[in-house]
Every structure is written in structure tokens, then in C-alpha cells.
Protein backbone atom coordinates (compact mmCIF):
# COMPACT_ATOMS: atom_id res chain seq x y z
CA MET A 1 -19.74 -14.88 43.72
CA ASN A 2 -21.64 -13.83 40.64
CA ALA A 3 -24.89 -15.35 39.48
CA ALA A 4 -26.63 -16.65 36.40
CA ILE A 5 -27.67 -14.29 33.63
CA PRO A 6 -30.25 -12.00 35.25
CA ALA A 7 -33.37 -10.73 33.54
CA ASN A 8 -31.94 -7.20 33.60
CA ALA A 9 -28.62 -8.15 31.96
CA PRO A 10 -27.36 -5.33 29.73
CA ASN A 11 -28.83 -5.90 26.28
CA LEU A 12 -25.99 -4.31 24.35
CA LYS A 13 -27.01 -3.22 20.88
CA GLY A 14 -23.75 -3.62 19.03
CA ARG A 15 -22.33 -0.16 18.39
CA ILE A 16 -19.18 0.61 16.42
CA LEU A 17 -16.42 3.23 16.61
CA ILE A 18 -15.17 4.78 13.36
CA GLY A 19 -13.23 8.00 12.97
CA GLY A 20 -13.85 9.19 16.52
CA THR A 21 -17.64 8.70 16.36
CA VAL A 22 -19.69 6.00 18.06
CA HIS A 23 -22.35 4.80 15.62
CA GLU A 24 -25.57 3.06 16.60
CA SER A 25 -27.23 2.64 13.21
CA GLY A 26 -26.59 2.28 9.51
CA TYR A 27 -25.44 -1.35 9.49
CA ALA A 28 -26.71 -4.86 10.09
CA ARG A 29 -26.46 -6.68 13.40
CA LYS A 30 -26.60 -10.27 14.55
CA GLN A 31 -27.81 -11.69 17.82
CA VAL A 32 -25.42 -12.96 20.47
CA PHE A 33 -26.45 -15.91 22.60
CA SER A 34 -24.97 -17.33 25.75
CA GLN A 35 -24.42 -21.05 25.27
CA SER A 36 -23.83 -21.38 29.01
CA THR A 37 -27.53 -21.97 29.55
CA ALA A 38 -27.76 -24.53 26.74
CA ILE A 39 -27.78 -27.59 29.00
CA GLY A 40 -30.48 -30.19 29.42
CA THR A 41 -33.85 -28.84 28.38
CA MET A 42 -32.68 -25.22 28.43
CA GLY A 43 -31.56 -23.45 25.30
CA PRO A 44 -29.15 -20.58 24.70
CA THR A 45 -30.05 -17.18 26.10
CA LEU A 46 -30.10 -14.02 24.02
CA ILE A 47 -27.76 -11.53 25.71
CA GLY A 48 -27.25 -8.82 23.11
CA GLU A 49 -26.39 -7.93 19.55
CA THR A 50 -23.11 -7.41 17.75
CA PRO A 51 -22.36 -5.38 14.63
CA ASN A 52 -22.33 -7.27 11.36
CA VAL A 53 -20.90 -4.59 9.10
CA ASP A 54 -20.45 -5.02 5.37
CA LYS A 55 -17.34 -4.56 3.27
CA GLU A 56 -18.02 -0.89 2.53
CA LEU A 57 -18.34 0.09 6.20
CA PHE A 58 -15.23 -1.86 7.14
CA LEU A 59 -13.34 -0.08 4.38
CA SER A 60 -14.55 3.24 5.80
CA ALA A 61 -12.93 2.29 9.13
CA VAL A 62 -9.68 1.54 7.31
CA ASP A 63 -9.96 4.91 5.59
CA ALA A 64 -10.50 6.64 8.95
CA ALA A 65 -7.30 5.01 10.19
CA ARG A 66 -5.53 6.08 7.00
CA ILE A 67 -6.53 9.68 7.61
CA ALA A 68 -5.38 9.50 11.24
CA TRP A 69 -2.05 8.00 10.15
CA ALA A 70 -1.67 10.55 7.33
CA ARG A 71 1.41 8.73 6.02
CA GLY A 72 3.05 9.18 9.39
CA GLN A 73 2.17 12.89 9.63
CA GLY A 74 -0.90 12.57 11.86
CA PRO A 75 -1.00 13.93 15.43
CA TRP A 76 -0.77 10.46 17.01
CA PRO A 77 2.31 9.14 15.14
CA LEU A 78 4.00 12.53 15.67
CA ALA A 79 3.07 12.74 19.36
CA ARG A 80 5.74 12.66 22.02
CA THR A 81 6.04 9.40 23.89
CA GLU A 82 4.90 11.01 27.13
CA GLU A 83 1.72 12.18 25.37
CA ARG A 84 0.97 8.63 24.26
CA LEU A 85 1.73 7.30 27.72
CA ALA A 86 -0.70 9.79 29.23
CA ALA A 87 -3.44 8.78 26.78
CA VAL A 88 -3.02 5.05 27.46
CA THR A 89 -2.95 5.70 31.20
CA GLN A 90 -6.17 7.69 30.94
CA PHE A 91 -7.75 4.85 28.97
CA ARG A 92 -6.69 2.30 31.59
CA ASP A 93 -8.25 4.43 34.31
CA ARG A 94 -11.50 4.63 32.32
CA MET A 95 -11.44 0.87 31.88
CA LEU A 96 -10.99 -0.05 35.56
CA PRO A 97 -14.57 0.80 36.72
CA LEU A 98 -15.92 -1.48 33.97
CA ARG A 99 -14.29 -4.58 35.48
CA LYS A 100 -17.43 -6.26 36.80
CA GLN A 101 -19.45 -5.70 33.62
CA ILE A 102 -16.66 -6.87 31.34
CA CYS A 103 -16.08 -9.99 33.44
CA GLN A 104 -19.79 -10.79 33.44
CA LEU A 105 -19.93 -10.53 29.67
CA LEU A 106 -16.86 -12.77 29.30
CA MET A 107 -18.51 -15.31 31.58
CA TRP A 108 -21.90 -15.24 29.85
CA GLU A 109 -20.69 -15.12 26.26
CA ILE A 110 -17.68 -17.45 26.10
CA GLY A 111 -18.36 -19.62 29.13
CA LYS A 112 -15.31 -18.53 31.09
CA SER A 113 -15.69 -19.18 34.80
CA TRP A 114 -16.21 -16.15 37.01
CA VAL A 115 -12.77 -16.67 38.54
CA ASP A 116 -11.09 -16.98 35.14
CA ALA A 117 -12.94 -13.98 33.74
CA GLN A 118 -11.68 -11.82 36.59
CA SER A 119 -8.19 -13.21 36.07
CA GLU A 120 -8.28 -12.26 32.39
CA PHE A 121 -9.31 -8.69 33.18
CA ASP A 122 -6.73 -8.28 35.94
CA ARG A 123 -3.97 -9.75 33.81
CA THR A 124 -4.84 -7.29 31.05
CA ILE A 125 -4.51 -4.35 33.43
CA THR A 126 -1.18 -5.72 34.62
CA TYR A 127 -0.06 -6.03 31.01
CA ILE A 128 -0.95 -2.40 30.35
CA ASN A 129 0.94 -1.28 33.46
CA ASP A 130 4.00 -3.37 32.58
CA THR A 131 3.96 -2.01 29.03
CA LEU A 132 3.84 1.56 30.29
CA GLU A 133 6.90 0.90 32.45
CA GLU A 134 8.75 -0.86 29.64
CA VAL A 135 8.16 2.09 27.30
CA LYS A 136 9.67 4.42 29.88
CA GLN A 137 12.77 2.25 30.08
CA LEU A 138 12.91 2.04 26.29
CA GLU A 139 12.85 5.83 26.06
CA ARG A 140 15.50 6.28 28.72
CA ASP A 141 17.81 3.88 26.91
CA ALA A 142 17.16 5.54 23.54
CA SER A 143 17.82 9.06 24.79
CA ARG A 144 21.57 8.44 24.89
CA PHE A 145 23.69 9.25 21.85
CA GLN A 146 26.00 6.74 20.23
CA PHE A 147 29.38 7.53 18.71
CA ALA A 148 31.06 5.48 15.98
CA GLY A 149 32.97 6.04 12.76
CA GLY A 150 33.16 9.79 13.20
CA LEU A 151 29.39 10.08 13.62
CA LEU A 152 27.12 10.83 16.53
CA ALA A 153 23.65 9.33 16.37
CA GLN A 154 20.47 8.87 18.32
CA ILE A 155 18.54 5.69 17.61
CA ARG A 156 14.91 5.51 18.63
CA ARG A 157 11.82 3.67 17.52
CA ALA A 158 9.11 4.91 15.15
CA PRO A 159 5.63 3.51 14.36
CA LEU A 160 4.80 1.35 11.34
CA GLY A 161 1.37 2.58 10.27
CA VAL A 162 -2.20 1.33 10.01
CA THR A 163 -2.55 -1.85 12.05
CA LEU A 164 -5.32 -4.43 11.75
CA CYS A 165 -5.84 -6.14 15.14
CA MET A 166 -7.70 -9.45 15.23
CA GLY A 167 -7.77 -11.28 18.55
CA PRO A 168 -9.03 -14.78 19.48
CA PHE A 169 -12.29 -15.79 21.13
CA ASN A 170 -10.70 -17.67 24.02
CA TYR A 171 -9.00 -14.58 25.47
CA PRO A 172 -10.81 -11.82 23.57
CA LEU A 173 -9.73 -9.12 26.01
CA ASN A 174 -6.25 -10.13 27.11
CA GLU A 175 -4.87 -11.57 23.88
CA THR A 176 -6.24 -8.73 21.76
CA PHE A 177 -4.78 -6.16 24.14
CA THR A 178 -1.34 -7.79 23.99
CA THR A 179 -1.18 -6.56 20.40
CA LEU A 180 -3.47 -3.52 20.60
CA ILE A 181 -1.72 -1.76 23.50
CA PRO A 182 1.89 -2.00 22.25
CA ALA A 183 0.83 -1.10 18.71
CA LEU A 184 -1.05 1.92 20.01
CA ILE A 185 1.56 3.14 22.43
CA MET A 186 4.26 3.06 19.75
CA GLY A 187 2.25 5.47 17.60
CA ASN A 188 0.39 3.19 15.22
CA VAL A 189 -3.31 3.61 14.37
CA LEU A 190 -5.72 0.71 14.67
CA VAL A 191 -8.64 -1.05 13.10
CA VAL A 192 -9.89 -3.67 15.56
CA LYS A 193 -11.93 -6.50 14.09
CA VAL A 194 -13.73 -7.99 17.09
CA PRO A 195 -13.48 -11.80 17.64
CA ARG A 196 -16.44 -13.98 16.66
CA TYR A 197 -17.07 -14.76 20.34
CA GLY A 198 -16.27 -12.36 23.15
CA GLN A 199 -17.90 -9.51 21.26
CA LEU A 200 -20.23 -7.74 23.65
CA PHE A 201 -17.79 -6.22 26.14
CA TRP A 202 -16.21 -4.09 23.39
CA ASP A 203 -19.34 -1.93 23.44
CA LEU A 204 -18.39 -0.76 26.94
CA LEU A 205 -14.95 0.40 25.75
CA LEU A 206 -16.03 2.52 22.79
CA GLU A 207 -16.38 5.79 24.72
CA PRO A 208 -13.06 5.36 26.57
CA PHE A 209 -11.28 4.73 23.28
CA ARG A 210 -13.08 7.65 21.63
CA ASP A 211 -12.33 10.07 24.45
CA CYS A 212 -8.70 9.12 25.12
CA PHE A 213 -7.27 9.08 21.60
CA PRO A 214 -7.47 11.36 18.55
CA ALA A 215 -10.23 10.67 16.03
CA GLY A 216 -9.50 7.68 13.80
CA VAL A 217 -6.62 6.34 15.90
CA VAL A 218 -8.77 3.49 17.23
CA ASN A 219 -11.64 2.06 15.16
CA ILE A 220 -13.64 -0.90 16.47
CA LEU A 221 -16.23 -2.94 14.59
CA ASN A 222 -17.30 -6.45 13.71
CA GLY A 223 -18.51 -8.44 10.75
CA HIS A 224 -17.98 -11.66 8.85
CA GLY A 225 -14.22 -11.94 8.53
CA ARG A 226 -14.15 -13.69 5.14
CA GLU A 227 -16.27 -10.92 3.61
CA ILE A 228 -14.61 -7.82 5.04
CA VAL A 229 -10.96 -8.49 5.93
CA GLY A 230 -9.67 -9.62 2.54
CA PRO A 231 -11.01 -6.58 0.62
CA ALA A 232 -9.57 -4.26 3.28
CA VAL A 233 -6.10 -5.81 3.07
CA LYS A 234 -6.29 -5.78 -0.74
CA THR A 235 -6.44 -1.96 -0.68
CA GLY A 236 -2.83 -1.87 0.48
CA LEU A 237 -3.76 0.67 3.16
CA ILE A 238 -3.04 -1.71 6.03
CA ASP A 239 0.62 -1.83 7.01
CA VAL A 240 0.57 -4.31 9.89
CA LEU A 241 -1.42 -7.44 10.66
CA ALA A 242 -1.71 -8.36 14.34
CA PHE A 243 -3.57 -11.65 14.29
CA ILE A 244 -4.07 -14.46 16.80
CA GLY A 245 -5.83 -17.45 15.29
CA SER A 246 -5.17 -20.23 12.78
CA SER A 247 -2.36 -20.32 10.23
CA PRO A 248 -4.67 -21.03 7.25
CA VAL A 249 -6.65 -17.86 7.99
CA ALA A 250 -3.46 -15.85 8.49
CA ASN A 251 -2.09 -17.11 5.18
CA ARG A 252 -5.27 -16.14 3.33
CA ILE A 253 -5.15 -12.65 4.78
CA LYS A 254 -1.47 -12.12 3.99
CA GLN A 255 -1.91 -13.23 0.39
CA GLU A 256 -4.42 -10.45 -0.23
CA HIS A 257 -1.93 -7.62 0.23
CA PRO A 258 -0.71 -6.06 -3.03
CA HIS A 259 2.74 -5.25 -1.55
CA PRO A 260 3.73 -8.25 0.62
CA ASN A 261 7.17 -6.80 1.35
CA ARG A 262 5.50 -3.82 3.03
CA PHE A 263 3.06 -5.90 5.08
CA ARG A 264 4.41 -6.59 8.57
CA SER A 265 2.83 -9.53 10.42
CA ILE A 266 2.80 -10.35 14.12
CA LEU A 267 1.00 -13.66 14.45
CA GLY A 268 0.08 -16.11 17.21
CA LEU A 269 -1.09 -19.26 15.48
CA ASP A 270 -1.70 -23.00 15.86
CA ALA A 271 -0.10 -25.22 18.46
CA LYS A 272 -0.05 -28.90 19.31
CA ASN A 273 1.97 -28.74 22.49
CA PRO A 274 2.98 -32.21 23.69
CA ALA A 275 3.90 -33.41 27.15
CA ILE A 276 6.69 -35.99 27.34
CA VAL A 277 6.37 -38.05 30.51
CA LEU A 278 9.60 -39.98 31.09
CA ALA A 279 9.94 -43.16 33.12
CA ASP A 280 11.75 -41.48 36.02
CA CYS A 281 9.31 -38.60 36.51
CA ASP A 282 7.45 -37.62 39.64
CA LEU A 283 4.18 -39.25 38.60
CA ASP A 284 1.85 -37.27 40.86
CA LEU A 285 3.38 -34.01 39.69
CA ALA A 286 3.16 -35.05 36.04
CA VAL A 287 -0.50 -36.04 36.38
CA ASN A 288 -1.45 -32.80 38.12
CA GLU A 289 0.42 -30.58 35.66
CA CYS A 290 -0.95 -32.45 32.64
CA LEU A 291 -4.46 -32.14 34.04
CA ARG A 292 -4.21 -28.36 34.41
CA GLY A 293 -2.27 -28.01 31.20
CA SER A 294 -4.74 -29.92 29.06
CA LEU A 295 -8.11 -28.90 30.51
CA SER A 296 -7.88 -25.36 31.90
CA PHE A 297 -10.67 -23.38 30.23
CA ASN A 298 -11.81 -26.60 28.53
CA GLY A 299 -8.47 -26.93 26.72
CA GLN A 300 -9.34 -23.84 24.64
CA ARG A 301 -5.87 -22.31 24.85
CA CYS A 302 -3.07 -22.22 22.32
CA THR A 303 -0.73 -23.05 25.21
CA ALA A 304 -2.77 -26.07 26.32
CA LEU A 305 -1.18 -29.51 26.37
CA LYS A 306 -2.83 -31.24 23.43
CA LEU A 307 -0.99 -34.57 23.27
CA LEU A 308 0.45 -36.59 26.16
CA PHE A 309 3.35 -38.93 25.36
CA VAL A 310 3.75 -41.27 28.33
CA HIS A 311 6.47 -43.89 28.73
CA ARG A 312 4.95 -47.34 28.39
CA SER A 313 6.20 -48.40 31.82
CA LEU A 314 4.01 -45.66 33.37
CA VAL A 315 1.11 -45.39 30.99
CA PHE A 316 -1.31 -47.65 32.88
CA GLU A 317 -0.82 -45.95 36.24
CA PHE A 318 -0.62 -42.46 34.71
CA THR A 319 -3.90 -43.01 32.86
CA ARG A 320 -5.62 -44.42 35.94
CA ARG A 321 -4.69 -41.43 38.10
CA PHE A 322 -5.33 -38.97 35.32
CA VAL A 323 -8.82 -40.30 34.58
CA LEU A 324 -9.77 -40.20 38.26
CA LYS A 325 -8.90 -36.52 38.38
CA VAL A 326 -10.58 -35.73 35.06
CA ASP A 327 -13.82 -37.38 36.10
CA ALA A 328 -13.72 -35.49 39.39
CA LEU A 329 -13.70 -32.10 37.64
CA LYS A 330 -16.86 -30.14 38.28
CA CYS A 331 -18.78 -29.50 35.08
CA GLY A 332 -21.50 -26.88 34.90
CA MET A 333 -22.39 -23.23 34.52
CA PRO A 334 -19.49 -20.75 34.60
CA TRP A 335 -20.98 -18.82 37.53
CA GLU A 336 -21.17 -21.91 39.77
CA PRO A 337 -18.61 -22.16 42.60
CA ASP A 338 -15.49 -24.20 41.80
CA VAL A 339 -16.68 -25.10 38.29
CA GLN A 340 -13.85 -26.25 36.03
CA ILE A 341 -15.50 -27.44 32.81
CA THR A 342 -18.01 -25.05 31.26
CA PRO A 343 -20.17 -24.97 28.10
CA LEU A 344 -18.37 -24.29 24.82
CA PRO A 345 -19.19 -21.03 23.04
CA ASP A 346 -18.86 -22.54 19.55
CA THR A 347 -22.01 -24.47 18.68
CA GLU A 348 -20.14 -26.50 16.04
CA LYS A 349 -17.33 -27.61 18.34
CA PRO A 350 -19.00 -30.60 20.06
CA ALA A 351 -19.61 -32.30 16.69
CA TYR A 352 -16.00 -31.69 15.66
CA LEU A 353 -14.62 -33.13 18.91
CA THR A 354 -16.92 -36.13 18.59
CA SER A 355 -15.57 -36.77 15.09
CA LEU A 356 -11.99 -36.72 16.40
CA ILE A 357 -12.88 -39.30 19.04
CA ALA A 358 -14.62 -41.54 16.49
CA ASP A 359 -11.67 -41.35 14.11
CA ALA A 360 -9.20 -42.24 16.89
CA GLN A 361 -11.34 -45.17 18.04
CA SER A 362 -11.59 -46.46 14.49
CA ARG A 363 -7.79 -46.63 14.48
CA GLY A 364 -7.53 -48.54 17.75
CA ALA A 365 -7.69 -45.86 20.45
CA LYS A 366 -9.74 -46.55 23.58
CA LEU A 367 -11.93 -44.18 25.55
CA ALA A 368 -10.46 -44.34 29.07
CA ASN A 369 -13.43 -42.70 30.82
CA PRO A 370 -16.49 -44.15 29.06
CA ASP A 371 -18.97 -43.27 31.82
CA ARG A 372 -19.11 -39.61 30.79
CA GLY A 373 -16.08 -38.89 28.59
CA GLY A 374 -17.18 -37.31 25.34
CA ARG A 375 -20.81 -37.00 26.44
CA VAL A 376 -22.55 -33.93 25.07
CA ASP A 377 -25.26 -32.07 26.96
CA GLY A 378 -26.25 -29.06 24.91
CA ALA A 379 -23.12 -26.92 24.78
CA LEU A 380 -21.40 -28.82 27.60
CA PHE A 381 -18.82 -31.35 26.41
CA TYR A 382 -17.58 -33.67 29.12
CA PRO A 383 -13.80 -34.19 28.99
CA ALA A 384 -12.73 -37.33 27.13
CA VAL A 385 -9.45 -39.17 27.67
CA LEU A 386 -8.27 -41.53 24.96
CA THR A 387 -5.43 -44.02 25.31
CA ASP A 388 -3.35 -45.90 22.74
CA VAL A 389 -3.91 -43.08 20.25
CA PRO A 390 -1.95 -43.82 17.06
CA LEU A 391 0.02 -40.96 15.56
CA THR A 392 -1.93 -41.42 12.33
CA ALA A 393 -5.17 -40.38 14.06
CA ARG A 394 -6.52 -36.91 13.41
CA LEU A 395 -6.45 -36.35 17.17
CA ALA A 396 -2.66 -36.68 17.06
CA GLN A 397 -2.30 -34.33 14.10
CA GLU A 398 -4.98 -31.64 14.46
CA GLU A 399 -5.24 -29.04 17.19
CA GLN A 400 -8.43 -30.09 18.98
CA PHE A 401 -8.77 -26.87 21.03
CA GLY A 402 -11.22 -28.51 23.38
CA PRO A 403 -11.60 -31.00 26.25
CA VAL A 404 -10.31 -34.13 24.53
CA VAL A 405 -7.00 -35.50 25.80
CA PRO A 406 -5.06 -38.08 23.75
CA ILE A 407 -2.46 -40.28 25.45
CA VAL A 408 0.23 -41.90 23.33
CA PRO A 409 2.48 -44.56 24.92
CA PHE A 410 6.11 -44.68 23.82
CA ASP A 411 9.08 -46.98 24.40
CA ASP A 412 11.83 -44.90 22.84
CA VAL A 413 11.87 -41.12 23.16
CA GLY A 414 13.27 -41.04 19.65
CA THR A 415 9.74 -41.75 18.42
CA VAL A 416 8.54 -38.58 20.15
CA LEU A 417 11.40 -36.54 18.72
CA THR A 418 10.62 -37.77 15.21
CA TYR A 419 6.99 -36.73 15.67
CA MET A 420 8.04 -33.26 16.76
CA VAL A 421 10.56 -32.82 13.96
CA GLU A 422 7.95 -33.76 11.38
CA SER A 423 5.15 -31.75 13.01
CA LYS A 424 4.03 -28.48 11.42
CA TYR A 425 3.70 -27.02 14.92
CA GLY A 426 6.51 -25.50 16.97
CA ALA A 427 5.25 -23.66 20.03
CA GLN A 428 6.02 -25.42 23.35
CA VAL A 429 6.63 -28.73 25.04
CA SER A 430 6.42 -29.94 28.65
CA LEU A 431 9.09 -32.38 29.73
CA PHE A 432 8.62 -34.47 32.88
CA GLY A 433 11.62 -36.30 34.31
CA SER A 434 14.38 -36.11 36.92
CA ASN A 435 17.64 -37.34 35.35
CA PRO A 436 19.91 -34.48 34.18
CA GLU A 437 21.81 -36.92 31.96
CA VAL A 438 18.58 -37.57 30.07
CA ILE A 439 16.94 -34.15 30.27
CA GLY A 440 20.01 -32.19 29.15
CA PRO A 441 20.41 -33.81 25.71
CA LEU A 442 16.63 -33.72 25.18
CA ILE A 443 16.65 -29.97 25.72
CA ASP A 444 19.29 -29.62 23.00
CA ARG A 445 17.14 -31.57 20.55
CA LEU A 446 13.86 -29.88 21.46
CA VAL A 447 15.05 -26.29 21.46
CA ASN A 448 15.33 -26.46 17.68
CA GLN A 449 11.72 -27.59 17.38
CA VAL A 450 9.86 -25.34 19.82
CA CYS A 451 10.42 -21.97 21.45
CA ARG A 452 9.70 -22.89 25.06
CA ILE A 453 10.58 -26.03 26.99
CA ASN A 454 8.78 -26.37 30.31
CA LEU A 455 10.52 -28.65 32.79
CA ASN A 456 8.14 -30.48 35.12
CA THR A 457 5.41 -27.90 34.56
CA GLN A 458 2.58 -27.26 32.10
CA CYS A 459 2.91 -25.13 28.98
CA GLN A 460 1.88 -21.53 29.47
CA ARG A 461 2.22 -18.04 28.07
CA GLY A 462 3.22 -16.02 31.10
CA PRO A 463 4.68 -14.26 32.78
CA ASP A 464 4.28 -11.65 30.04
CA VAL A 465 7.88 -10.50 30.44
CA PHE A 466 8.92 -13.81 28.84
CA PRO A 467 8.98 -14.14 25.03
CA PHE A 468 5.87 -15.72 23.55
CA THR A 469 6.48 -17.05 20.06
CA GLY A 470 6.82 -20.22 18.03
CA ARG A 471 8.44 -21.92 15.07
CA LYS A 472 6.94 -23.35 11.88
CA ASP A 473 3.18 -22.68 11.65
CA SER A 474 2.86 -21.63 15.29
CA ALA A 475 3.85 -17.97 15.20
CA GLU A 476 5.47 -15.08 13.40
CA GLY A 477 7.11 -12.42 15.51
CA THR A 478 7.41 -12.39 19.29
CA LEU A 479 5.00 -11.10 21.88
CA SER A 480 6.12 -10.13 25.35
CA VAL A 481 6.03 -6.82 27.12
CA TYR A 482 9.57 -6.20 25.83
CA ASP A 483 9.29 -7.75 22.36
CA ALA A 484 5.84 -6.48 21.38
CA LEU A 485 6.95 -2.86 21.57
CA ARG A 486 9.72 -3.67 19.15
CA SER A 487 7.47 -5.77 16.91
CA PHE A 488 5.14 -2.81 16.36
CA SER A 489 7.87 -0.28 15.63
CA ILE A 490 11.04 0.17 13.61
CA ARG A 491 14.43 1.58 14.54
CA SER A 492 15.03 5.02 13.08
CA MET A 493 18.03 7.24 13.68
CA VAL A 494 19.41 10.72 13.27
CA ALA A 495 23.15 10.98 12.57
CA ALA A 496 25.61 13.84 12.12
CA LYS A 497 29.35 14.18 11.80
CA GLN A 498 31.30 14.63 15.01
CA ASP A 499 32.61 17.98 13.86
CA ALA A 500 31.83 21.44 15.16
CA SER A 501 29.01 21.98 12.67
CA GLY A 502 27.28 18.70 13.45
CA LYS A 503 27.58 19.11 17.19
CA THR A 504 26.33 22.70 17.05
CA LEU A 505 23.24 21.75 15.07
CA ILE A 506 22.41 18.81 17.32
CA ARG A 507 22.93 20.93 20.43
CA GLY A 508 20.68 23.66 19.05
CA ILE A 509 17.86 21.18 18.39
CA LEU A 510 18.21 19.67 21.86
CA ASP A 511 18.45 22.97 23.72
CA GLY A 512 15.52 24.44 21.84
CA ASP A 513 13.50 21.21 22.11
CA THR A 514 12.50 21.72 18.48
CA SER A 515 12.17 18.00 17.64
CA ARG A 516 9.91 15.42 19.20
CA PHE A 517 12.05 12.56 17.91
CA LEU A 518 15.58 13.93 18.40
CA SER A 519 15.45 14.69 22.08
CA THR A 520 17.04 13.96 25.42
CA ASN A 521 14.24 15.75 27.25
CA ILE A 522 12.54 12.55 28.34
CA VAL A 523 9.77 13.41 30.81
CA LEU A 524 8.22 10.10 31.88
């Protein structure tokens, strides 16, 4: 078990990586505080500094990526797949000894429990390993020639270009790497804009990135997004946006590009995942799954359950059992044993959540756990459960992304379906019930509103072999081990006539191994 922030905690100074060089000076910095100590009479603890680069320095990182890409002629986009696999494998091996330090920084900076921080690191390593294996299978499949219409052709995948990676604060390692790793391994070059929280651990990865990849292939730095990202996109030098965050921010970024048709976007955005608890459900199971689904990591997950529709015949008993379990959750410091609710990293979030509760109450909602629900102690926000929440309340329309759980009773499931049809969100839904005659038709209606229906279980992203995407304002593109590799690449092909001349030329290239792209010599 780990401990509180020690006096000798690494005071990371906020370095940056641009063009293959780790820089320690020449730019502004800002202090990073751990809000996990901001409880009671204690205040936040200074744990390090993060870069706060200006527009000009961020543009220099984009230019370093441009040089490394060299319009697709750089050493990384032209490298053989096995060379890229070897580089990513070497990076993973350099990353493994940093596990404890990275997990500590996740715990201290974003308030993730020690258990969850370790889980995030381990899941990221698993994702890298699974991606490496998927690339090998992709290459084996692509090495075969296809014959049609008098032509023989080999179809493989090629990189897209300079990629801007922007991950979220709630999973700053794992979620960022689910775009960074596939983009990198397919031959793209990267500019990584570090999340606003979950910043410090990146300092530990600068040397591994520098040493494992050619200069300029990976550039890592941080600054105020509104000031630096727009001008960089406006240059037209960025080909791909890999962004996990809110749809308004994504829209602002996309609108800056001078050639929108050339700007590929892979986006994980907002979600308002509902649970639908039907009258014939297993009530204990529904309560337990909704508890985990709505309050794991304080509800700060895009896959969290953010609205619970409960059939009126069950709503009293569901709420009673649910509140008992919510109030039994251990709240405290992320390094404490068995802690489940931890301080929020965003200092502005408690006030926002409080405003959602006040708005819902003004419209007739009731706080179901008044003893401590919604109480604020520094950065610690005690989970609040609200019942009889009207669909006109902000809490029913906005993604709260925090430990506030609205319960909406319903008589007719048609009311729920109307809400989902009209909603701007389209990620997932959890459906609790037992009657196939009821569940089957509901699936048919819901599958055109969301991209994942979870039967008698909480919403979730994994396993990472499953597609992770959404409709409407919830996503653009698909992220999974399989899909992400395809999202960050494009199909390219070489074709020749099936005559003696064409076959002779192709055979000569293959036998002489003169092309890195046109090849059946797959050594993986």
C-alpha cells in the first residue's frame, strides 16, 4: 500500500520534448498542486511544475513534426513495420520500470486511488501489447496479393501525417495512449498536448520517447489550450486530430483548419449514458451495477452512468438500497485502503456540481441522502443522489462528470426512448430487465441511438478489442485495438496487369526486396 505525499516526492520541473531534444528552460511554467490534501484545514500540496509554453514554442513543436514527416518522406513514415514494432517495444520496455512513479503521480495529481492508478498503468501496457499483436496480424493479412479484373494488387495501410494528440485528465495515460500508440505505430508523427491535469508523469517519459524514436517523431509539451492549439491547427500543418474531451472544444479546433477536407479527426467526446431499470429486473444486480457505473472514479468517466431511469413501481425500493450503498462508500485520500470517493482534481468542479443540484431542486427534485450528499470538504465532494429529477433540469441534460446521480422515475419506457432520440448524446446505455419479449424490441430501438447496449451490466469501454465509439456529439471515428490502427492510416495499393510484364516486375521487386511497402517478406 502506498502512502501520502512524502516530503521527498519528486519535484518535477516541467520539461518538454521537441525535435528529439529535452528542454528544461526557455519557456514559462505553472505550479501543479495535489488537491488530494485539500480537506478540512489542510490545503493543496505543491508537487511540481508543468510547462506553460506560448504559441511560438508550440508552433516550433509542430514544425519539428513537419520536418520528421517530410511530406511522407521521413525515416519514420518510410520505415518497415517491423522497425516500428521494434521501436514501440523498446519504448514499452523503458516504460515498465517507471510504473510505481507514474502511478504515484496519477494518485497525487488527479486523485485516482492507488488501486485504480495501478490498473490504469497495467491496462495501458496491455493495450500496447495487444496493439503490437494486432499490427502483426494486419501485416500478415496485407502481405497476400489480390486478383481481380485482370489486375494483381497488394493493399496495405499507410500513415496520414502530423497528428495532434490531446488526451483527457481522467485517464491521462491510458486514454492518451489509445490514440498515441496506434498513430505512432502506423507511421504518423506526433505532437502531444498534455492534459490540464495528469501532467507530471509525462516528464518521466521524455527520455524513453527521445531515445526510441527518430528526432521530431514524438514531441511533448503543455500550455493553455485556447492560446496554442488554434494557431497551430490554423497553419494547416496538422493532418490528424486525436482528441478526447468535449464536443464544443473539438468543434472549435476543427474550425481552425484551413483545409477541412484534409483534416482527419478521431474524437472521443461527451456522453450522458442512461441506465433503464425495468420493472422485472433483478433489483440487487441493478443497484450494484448502477452504483459502480455511476460512481467509479467519482463518476469522472465518459462511460459512467449519468442518468438512472427507474420504473415507478421500483423507484422507492431502488432508491432506498442505492442510497444505503452510496452512503457506505469510503470517502478520503486516494492512498487510503479501500477508498472509493476521492478529492476532485478540478478546483472549479464542486461549485459546478452544487449548481446542478440547486437547479434540480428548484424544479422539484429531492436530495435522497441529505446527511452528507453534496457536502463539500475542500476538494472532496460527497456523492449526492437526487430523485424525481425532471428532464428539464440541467442535471438531466448536461454531462455532470462527477459524483452526482440523478434518478428519473418512468411509467412508460416510451418516455425514455423519446429522451434518447432527442438527446445530443449517443454513446451507451445500460438496460436492466429479464423478459426477452421486452428486451428484444428495446434493443432494436436503442441500437439506432447509441453504439453499445449493455444488458444487465454497467456501461464501460473495455475490453479494448471491442469498438469504442458513439453517435451524434459523442464520438467521431472508432477506437479499439483493431479499429484505431485503421483510423490512423489509409489503404494504399500497388496494382499491375496480370500479364508477363506485370508479373515479372512485381516478382523482381519482391525477390530483390527493393520496396518497403510492396513486400511479402514480413518478419514480425
